[in-house]
C-alpha atoms as a PDB file:
ATOM      1  CA  UNK A   1       3.890   8.141   8.679  1.00  0.00           C
ATOM      2  CA  UNK A   2       3.863  11.042  11.023  1.00  0.00           C
ATOM      3  CA  UNK A   3       1.701  12.160  13.887  1.00  0.00           C
ATOM      4  CA  UNK A   4      -0.063  14.317  11.306  1.00  0.00           C
ATOM      5  CA  UNK A   5      -1.552  11.281   9.528  1.00  0.00           C
ATOM      6  CA  UNK A   6      -2.322   9.356  12.747  1.00  0.00           C
ATOM      7  CA  UNK A   7      -1.777   6.060  10.953  1.00  0.00           C
ATOM      8  CA  UNK A   8      -4.163   6.866   8.132  1.00  0.00           C
ATOM      9  CA  UNK A   9      -3.145   6.115   4.528  1.00  0.00           C
ATOM     10  CA  UNK A  10      -2.042   9.170   2.588  1.00  0.00           C
ATOM     11  CA  UNK A  11      -1.246  10.173  -0.977  1.00  0.00           C
ATOM     12  CA  UNK A  12       1.379  12.667  -2.087  1.00  0.00           C
ATOM     13  CA  UNK A  13      -0.024  15.070  -4.692  1.00  0.00           C
ATOM     14  CA  UNK A  14       2.813  17.529  -5.221  1.00  0.00           C
ATOM     15  CA  UNK A  15       6.583  17.146  -5.268  1.00  0.00           C
ATOM     16  CA  UNK A  16       9.029  20.048  -5.643  1.00  0.00           C
ATOM     17  CA  UNK A  17      12.711  19.499  -6.382  1.00  0.00           C
ATOM     18  CA  UNK A  18      14.494  21.866  -3.999  1.00  0.00           C
ATOM     19  CA  UNK A  19      17.500  22.673  -6.185  1.00  0.00           C
ATOM     20  CA  UNK A  20      15.678  23.362  -9.443  1.00  0.00           C
ATOM     21  CA  UNK A  21      12.258  24.353  -8.225  1.00  0.00           C
ATOM     22  CA  UNK A  22      10.661  21.907 -10.682  1.00  0.00           C
ATOM     23  CA  UNK A  23       7.232  20.852  -9.473  1.00  0.00           C
ATOM     24  CA  UNK A  24       5.503  17.595 -10.347  1.00  0.00           C
ATOM     25  CA  UNK A  25       1.834  17.253  -9.539  1.00  0.00           C
ATOM     26  CA  UNK A  26      -0.247  14.106  -9.630  1.00  0.00           C
ATOM     27  CA  UNK A  27      -1.182  11.320  -7.298  1.00  0.00           C
ATOM     28  CA  UNK A  28       1.795   9.386  -5.937  1.00  0.00           C
ATOM     29  CA  UNK A  29       1.812   6.633  -3.365  1.00  0.00           C
ATOM     30  CA  UNK A  30       4.713   7.119  -0.954  1.00  0.00           C
ATOM     31  CA  UNK A  31       7.344   4.371  -0.767  1.00  0.00           C
ATOM     32  CA  UNK A  32       6.492   1.505   1.561  1.00  0.00           C
ATOM     33  CA  UNK A  33       9.139   2.440   4.111  1.00  0.00           C
ATOM     34  CA  UNK A  34       7.741   5.984   4.285  1.00  0.00           C
ATOM     35  CA  UNK A  35       4.360   4.491   5.137  1.00  0.00           C
ATOM     36  CA  UNK A  36       5.736   2.873   8.286  1.00  0.00           C
ATOM     37  CA  UNK A  37       5.438   4.665  11.592  1.00  0.00           C
ATOM     38  CA  UNK A  38       8.406   6.770  12.686  1.00  0.00           C
ATOM     39  CA  UNK A  39       9.452   4.229  15.343  1.00  0.00           C
ATOM     40  CA  UNK A  40       9.455   1.434  12.765  1.00  0.00           C
ATOM     41  CA  UNK A  41      11.421   3.588  10.311  1.00  0.00           C
ATOM     42  CA  UNK A  42      14.065   4.164  12.998  1.00  0.00           C
ATOM     43  CA  UNK A  43      14.095   0.430  13.741  1.00  0.00           C
ATOM     44  CA  UNK A  44      14.586  -0.463  10.053  1.00  0.00           C
ATOM     45  CA  UNK A  45      17.358   2.144   9.701  1.00  0.00           C
ATOM     46  CA  UNK A  46      19.115   0.711  12.770  1.00  0.00           C
ATOM     47  CA  UNK A  47      18.763  -2.807  11.363  1.00  0.00           C
ATOM     48  CA  UNK A  48      20.345  -1.746   8.071  1.00  0.00           C
ATOM     49  CA  UNK A  49      23.140   0.179   9.821  1.00  0.00           C
ATOM     50  CA  UNK A  50      23.872  -2.876  11.979  1.00  0.00           C
ATOM     51  CA  UNK A  51      24.150  -4.951   8.781  1.00  0.00           C
ATOM     52  CA  UNK A  52      21.196  -7.080   9.851  1.00  0.00           C
ATOM     53  CA  UNK A  53      22.839  -8.194  13.090  1.00  0.00           C
ATOM     54  CA  UNK A  54      20.136  -9.177  15.537  1.00  0.00           C
ATOM     55  CA  UNK A  55      22.776  -9.357  18.283  1.00  0.00           C
ATOM     56  CA  UNK A  56      23.664  -5.704  17.585  1.00  0.00           C
ATOM     57  CA  UNK A  57      19.960  -4.779  17.566  1.00  0.00           C
ATOM     58  CA  UNK A  58      19.579  -6.448  20.975  1.00  0.00           C
ATOM     59  CA  UNK A  59      22.417  -4.253  22.261  1.00  0.00           C
ATOM     60  CA  UNK A  60      21.102  -1.029  20.671  1.00  0.00           C
ATOM     61  CA  UNK A  61      17.504  -1.420  21.828  1.00  0.00           C
ATOM     62  CA  UNK A  62      18.183  -3.334  25.052  1.00  0.00           C
ATOM     63  CA  UNK A  63      15.683  -6.068  24.239  1.00  0.00           C
ATOM     64  CA  UNK A  64      15.797  -9.816  23.655  1.00  0.00           C
ATOM     65  CA  UNK A  65      16.213 -11.817  20.446  1.00  0.00           C
ATOM     66  CA  UNK A  66      12.504 -12.834  20.365  1.00  0.00           C
ATOM     67  CA  UNK A  67      11.489  -9.175  20.715  1.00  0.00           C
ATOM     68  CA  UNK A  68      13.676  -8.159  17.755  1.00  0.00           C
ATOM     69  CA  UNK A  69      12.406 -11.071  15.639  1.00  0.00           C
ATOM     70  CA  UNK A  70       8.802 -10.289  16.528  1.00  0.00           C
ATOM     71  CA  UNK A  71       9.195  -6.646  15.529  1.00  0.00           C
ATOM     72  CA  UNK A  72      10.947  -7.556  12.278  1.00  0.00           C
ATOM     73  CA  UNK A  73       8.136  -9.983  11.450  1.00  0.00           C
ATOM     74  CA  UNK A  74       5.502  -7.358  12.212  1.00  0.00           C
ATOM     75  CA  UNK A  75       7.243  -4.764  10.023  1.00  0.00           C
ATOM     76  CA  UNK A  76       7.764  -7.323   7.247  1.00  0.00           C
ATOM     77  CA  UNK A  77       4.020  -7.949   7.300  1.00  0.00           C
ATOM     78  CA  UNK A  78       3.510  -4.338   6.184  1.00  0.00           C
ATOM     79  CA  UNK A  79       5.905  -4.587   3.227  1.00  0.00           C
ATOM     80  CA  UNK A  80       5.441  -6.164  -0.177  1.00  0.00           C
ATOM     81  CA  UNK A  81       8.473  -8.082  -1.312  1.00  0.00           C
ATOM     82  CA  UNK A  82       9.967  -8.481  -4.744  1.00  0.00           C
ATOM     83  CA  UNK A  83       9.914 -12.059  -6.015  1.00  0.00           C
ATOM     84  CA  UNK A  84      13.572 -13.048  -5.704  1.00  0.00           C
ATOM     85  CA  UNK A  85      13.061 -16.299  -7.607  1.00  0.00           C
ATOM     86  CA  UNK A  86      10.722 -15.448 -10.482  1.00  0.00           C
ATOM     87  CA  UNK A  87       9.677 -18.094 -12.994  1.00  0.00           C
ATOM     88  CA  UNK A  88      12.063 -18.259 -15.953  1.00  0.00           C
ATOM     89  CA  UNK A  89      10.971 -16.615 -19.179  1.00  0.00           C
ATOM     90  CA  UNK A  90      10.674 -18.597 -22.392  1.00  0.00           C
ATOM     91  CA  UNK A  91      13.886 -16.985 -23.627  1.00  0.00           C
ATOM     92  CA  UNK A  92      15.702 -18.059 -20.431  1.00  0.00           C
ATOM     93  CA  UNK A  93      14.580 -21.653 -20.926  1.00  0.00           C
ATOM     94  CA  UNK A  94      15.632 -21.680 -24.592  1.00  0.00           C
ATOM     95  CA  UNK A  95      19.027 -20.205 -23.681  1.00  0.00           C
ATOM     96  CA  UNK A  96      19.591 -22.899 -21.061  1.00  0.00           C
ATOM     97  CA  UNK A  97      18.576 -25.557 -23.592  1.00  0.00           C
ATOM     98  CA  UNK A  98      21.015 -24.165 -26.188  1.00  0.00           C
ATOM     99  CA  UNK A  99      23.842 -24.208 -23.655  1.00  0.00           C
ATOM    100  CA  UNK A 100      23.057 -27.834 -22.823  1.00  0.00           C
ATOM    101  CA  UNK A 101      22.210 -27.063 -19.202  1.00  0.00           C
ATOM    102  CA  UNK A 102      18.802 -28.749 -19.467  1.00  0.00           C
ATOM    103  CA  UNK A 103      17.252 -31.444 -21.669  1.00  0.00           C
ATOM    104  CA  UNK A 104      14.444 -30.866 -24.150  1.00  0.00           C
ATOM    105  CA  UNK A 105      12.065 -32.612 -21.745  1.00  0.00           C
ATOM    106  CA  UNK A 106      13.118 -30.274 -18.891  1.00  0.00           C
ATOM    107  CA  UNK A 107      12.718 -27.273 -21.202  1.00  0.00           C
ATOM    108  CA  UNK A 108       9.198 -28.329 -22.142  1.00  0.00           C
ATOM    109  CA  UNK A 109       8.307 -28.844 -18.481  1.00  0.00           C
ATOM    110  CA  UNK A 110       9.681 -25.399 -17.593  1.00  0.00           C
ATOM    111  CA  UNK A 111       7.768 -23.760 -20.437  1.00  0.00           C
ATOM    112  CA  UNK A 112       4.538 -25.489 -19.418  1.00  0.00           C
ATOM    113  CA  UNK A 113       5.029 -24.392 -15.822  1.00  0.00           C
ATOM    114  CA  UNK A 114       5.488 -20.703 -16.649  1.00  0.00           C
END
């Protein structure tokens, strides 16, 4: 987000590739990080550059641990997260059964749960 949008949602309708001049038009939602305010984008970039070290973030921004955690939690509230532990597919369950990693009863339970 920029001062131009004043916090309002926006849609990108035209993208031009600088090197080739190719233009793509349509309606595109900007990436989630681009939808954050500039201050939050800087904060996220600093967090990544500090390898997620809250101690380093305290030093960089001159604030306390609770302040860093609070800001991270607020920013996280604006972002959708990918499910890092999705339910296994039927093929995954069958593969595990074939390899003997789970029993037939466990396989059935997993298939019923998905």
